[in-house]
Amino acid sequence: MKHMIYTDNEGFMWVAIVPDSLKEGQSPLAYPVAGPPDLSVLGLSQEDTKRLHNGLVEKGMYNAPALLGRRKELMQLLKSLGLKLSIFQIIGVFQQAYYGDR
């Protein structure tokens, strides 16, 4: 299995888990999405949510394990996007989506 990035009709980039046999240009839409989780709970505008979401995908930070140990990189992304969020808000959303209520 491999990860493939695609963009939906609204301009959001997603990472799908697809079989190795899937060729470039074939649609990954029928396969499970690896992330990122729903960021709407952060209360950002739709445009800022999309910018953050796509920025996370571009940096390879699309699920909780991929985010581990990358706080500095996450902080730099937020700064580059001009978003006034704490990295811990984002980490919390990822942890909730990935691990649930443990």
Protein backbone atom coordinates (compact mmCIF):
# COMPACT_ATOMS: atom_id res chain seq x y z
CA MET A 1 0.00 0.00 0.00
CA LYS A 2 1.14 3.54 -0.69
CA HIS A 3 -0.08 7.06 -0.01
CA MET A 4 -1.44 9.20 -2.83
CA ILE A 5 -2.35 12.88 -2.65
CA TYR A 6 -5.41 14.15 -4.50
CA THR A 7 -7.43 17.37 -4.49
CA ASP A 8 -11.21 17.32 -4.14
CA ASN A 9 -13.71 19.61 -5.92
CA GLU A 10 -13.49 22.19 -3.12
CA GLY A 11 -9.70 22.47 -3.38
CA PHE A 12 -8.82 20.41 -0.29
CA MET A 13 -5.83 18.09 -0.65
CA TRP A 14 -6.21 14.59 0.84
CA VAL A 15 -3.94 11.64 1.41
CA ALA A 16 -5.46 8.29 0.44
CA ILE A 17 -4.09 4.83 1.16
CA VAL A 18 -4.08 2.98 -2.16
CA PRO A 19 -2.72 -0.33 -3.47
CA ASP A 20 0.76 -0.26 -4.98
CA SER A 21 -0.80 -1.34 -8.27
CA LEU A 22 -2.83 1.91 -8.62
CA LYS A 23 -1.34 3.84 -11.54
CA GLU A 24 -0.73 7.58 -11.72
CA GLY A 25 -3.89 9.23 -13.01
CA GLN A 26 -6.24 6.57 -11.60
CA SER A 27 -8.72 7.88 -9.06
CA PRO A 28 -7.92 7.23 -5.38
CA LEU A 29 -11.45 8.26 -4.31
CA ALA A 30 -12.60 4.70 -3.57
CA TYR A 31 -9.81 4.20 -1.01
CA PRO A 32 -9.54 5.17 2.67
CA VAL A 33 -8.39 8.67 3.52
CA ALA A 34 -5.34 8.86 5.80
CA GLY A 35 -5.94 12.49 6.69
CA PRO A 36 -5.81 15.19 7.76
CA PRO A 37 -8.71 15.16 10.23
CA ASP A 38 -11.57 17.67 10.15
CA LEU A 39 -10.07 21.02 11.15
CA SER A 40 -13.37 22.94 11.21
CA VAL A 41 -13.45 22.59 15.01
CA LEU A 42 -10.64 25.17 15.15
CA GLY A 43 -13.16 27.90 14.23
CA LEU A 44 -11.22 29.27 11.25
CA SER A 45 -12.78 30.67 8.10
CA GLN A 46 -13.31 28.17 5.28
CA GLU A 47 -10.38 29.68 3.36
CA ASP A 48 -8.01 29.56 6.36
CA THR A 49 -9.12 26.00 7.14
CA LYS A 50 -8.30 25.01 3.55
CA ARG A 51 -4.91 26.76 3.66
CA LEU A 52 -4.00 25.01 6.93
CA HIS A 53 -5.33 21.65 5.75
CA ASN A 54 -3.42 21.81 2.45
CA GLY A 55 -0.28 23.10 4.17
CA LEU A 56 -0.33 20.11 6.50
CA VAL A 57 -0.67 17.73 3.55
CA GLU A 58 2.15 19.43 1.67
CA LYS A 59 4.40 19.06 4.74
CA GLY A 60 3.42 15.39 5.17
CA MET A 61 1.68 16.07 8.49
CA TYR A 62 -1.66 14.42 7.77
CA ASN A 63 -2.19 12.15 10.80
CA ALA A 64 -1.13 11.99 14.45
CA PRO A 65 1.93 9.74 13.91
CA ALA A 66 3.13 11.97 11.05
CA LEU A 67 2.82 15.00 13.35
CA LEU A 68 4.88 13.47 16.18
CA GLY A 69 8.14 15.25 16.88
CA ARG A 70 7.42 18.00 14.36
CA ARG A 71 6.28 20.82 16.64
CA LYS A 72 8.84 23.28 15.32
CA GLU A 73 7.81 22.56 11.73
CA LEU A 74 4.13 22.92 12.69
CA MET A 75 4.86 26.25 14.37
CA GLN A 76 6.68 27.45 11.24
CA LEU A 77 3.72 26.43 9.07
CA LEU A 78 1.28 28.38 11.27
CA LYS A 79 3.55 31.41 11.16
CA SER A 80 3.93 31.22 7.36
CA LEU A 81 0.14 31.08 7.01
CA GLY A 82 -0.34 33.98 9.43
CA LEU A 83 -2.65 31.93 11.67
CA LYS A 84 -2.94 32.77 15.37
CA LEU A 85 -3.33 29.22 16.62
CA SER A 86 -1.44 27.24 19.20
CA ILE A 87 0.27 24.12 17.94
CA PHE A 88 -1.43 22.34 20.84
CA GLN A 89 -4.87 23.13 19.40
CA ILE A 90 -3.91 21.35 16.20
CA ILE A 91 -2.20 18.48 17.98
CA GLY A 92 -5.37 18.05 20.07
CA VAL A 93 -7.55 17.76 16.95
CA PHE A 94 -5.18 15.16 15.49
CA GLN A 95 -5.00 13.17 18.73
CA GLN A 96 -8.78 13.18 19.12
CA ALA A 97 -9.30 12.01 15.53
CA TYR A 98 -6.59 9.36 15.68
CA TYR A 99 -6.83 8.03 19.24
CA GLY A 100 -10.36 9.04 20.29
CA ASP A 101 -11.33 9.29 23.94
CA ARG A 102 -8.83 7.04 25.67
